[in-house]
Amino acid sequence: MATNSLSAWYFFLSVLYMLTLPYNCHPLTVGGDSIALGASLTGNQSIVSKNGTFELGFFCPNGTNNWYIGIWYAQMSNKTIVWVANRETPIRNKLGVLNLTTDGYLKLYDSDGRSIWSTRKNQKAIASKAMILDSGSFVMLGANNISEIVWESFLYPADTWLSGMKMWKGMKLTSWKSSLDPAPGPFSLEMDPAPSKTQFLLVYKDNITYWSTEEWVVDHFSGMPDMLNNFASETFRLPFVKISPTKMYFTYIQISKFDIVQRLVLYKTGDVRSFYHYNSSWINIWSVPKDLCFVYDICGAYGACNRNNLQFCSCLEGFKPKDKRAWFLQDWWSSGCLRSSPLYCSPINGTTDGFLQKNDISLAKEKAVSYSQYPTLPTCRSACLENCSCKAFDLTNSTPPICRMWFGDLFNVRVASNSQPVFLRMAASELQQSISNGGSNQGRVLSISLPVSTAFILVLAFLVIIFLLRRRGMLGKGGDMEGHELLSASLRTFTYKELRIATNNFRDKLGKGAFGSVFKGSLPDDTLVAVKKLRGL
């Protein structure tokens, strides 16, 4: 009874102290690598691993006022979060308390004393200490055996696979919902649950597999030959251990001869990326799948994916982004698009809708419903038009032709040159506008924007090309004719929006000159570029 009273009194003092702290999103470090039995971390405190690599404490994504317990790299200026405890239950507006209770469990409380998160359900035994290790794992050590780990964060990962962490069959990484929300997103990376299977799967909303590594063969996955290239094979390994057909694991191991920090991340866009840290920046070594358009629902409803564009998602003609802010920030395309004009279709009153022919997109074949009784374009069109749920149709080139219809919102649309014609259901007003614009409003937009931005875009594109050619040794110092011809042949213009995407909204400044600043960027093929942004633009 006395012990419980002491614990309650200590918690009360912790909360009281917490409420007197200045409110900010950047807690101060107070040192030490562990939390003792009965002790707590408040909003401005953290613990740091002995080698100084990892730090655990409270953080809040900028501008959200939502607080989480997380782990990040202690010595990096840009806080990179690698693990989050209370992903689904942030502490709102005010700071919290992480307490190792006297009965040996970790509990996170909000400022009103409500329990937000706890290790109790998953602990093997009661603990005497909680510690952040040099590997980045947050562990709890047993009360009866101090060397026994009774709980560890490596068994409950977020979106990051750190060196030394074992990924067992049954475990999974889950993406963040967005860059400001660490709640589990729709994408997960996990080992195939089938017995004896060694491949990893990328899964959308727990039930749709959209990519796999294929099976493990000696020292690499058969679907990932890039693992055998010199750089990848010399920077990390994935030792595989099979205990039984249902009990096996891979360990991500950074090779020590390279003095660089690495991590593997299931990104918010549904692809897996391998990063290493160099010169205050994270460099992307490789990513899978190579074509982001393979990611399920990457562009949401009525969004078309184009692997050749820096902004690979765009709304179909006649549609607009559902979440303009998310699309503008290139943060979450899967929110999709909405119709600019509503359809008019009723089983009783008929319809004024029509169809827009598109020759540059493809729809998800697995979502199509086939009808052999409509073997001609007019009959297929009429059947789709009479069904208000039918949003698109096409006619296959097979013998005999098959009418295919798509019902409900259209997902997984891909830009594809010389594709089979697809007919999209559109409102009459949108069809009239499309006809008046010659089938697309692109010409009208360009006629307005080009006089304003062409000079600026060409200057930036010229600087990008010069940087690339000099880096690759293609442009001589004297600027000879051969180099001039090569430059003329390879010149490409970039829109301002593309350059903003390539530079992550001009975030990483490389330097500053008389006319503006130079920023680091990355093209779709991961080529690094330097982009100069003129002052005042």
Foldseek 3Di string as FASTA:
>chain_A
DVQVVVLVVQQVVLLVVQVPDDDDFAAAEDEAFKAFESGKAKQNYWYAAPVQQKIWHWGAFPPFQWIWIFMFGRPFPPTDTWATFQQPFTAHNGIWMWTCYNQAKTFIAHSVGDTRGICVVQFPAGFGMWGQHPQRKIFGAHPVGRPDTRDICLQVTEFKATAFRKAKAVYKYFEALWPRGSHGHQWIWHFDQDFQAGKIFIDGNPPRTLDILDGDDPWGRPNCPVCPDDVNVQFWGWDKDDPGRRIIITGIHGDPVDPWGWMWGCYNLRKIFIWIDDPSDTATPDIPPLQSLSRWLSQAFQWAAELQALLRTDHDQQWDQPDVVCSLLVIGRSSHIDGPDDFDADLVPGGPKAWAKDQFKDFDPVQKDKDPVQQDPVSLRVVQRNDPQWFKWAWDPDVRIIIITHGDTTGSMYGHHRHGIMIGIDHPVSVVVCVVCVNHCVVVVCVPCCVPCVVVQQVQQLQFLVQVCVVVVNADPVRDPSSVVVCVVPRDTDDPSRVCSQQSNQDAWPAADDFFTWGWGAHSVRDITITGDGPPD
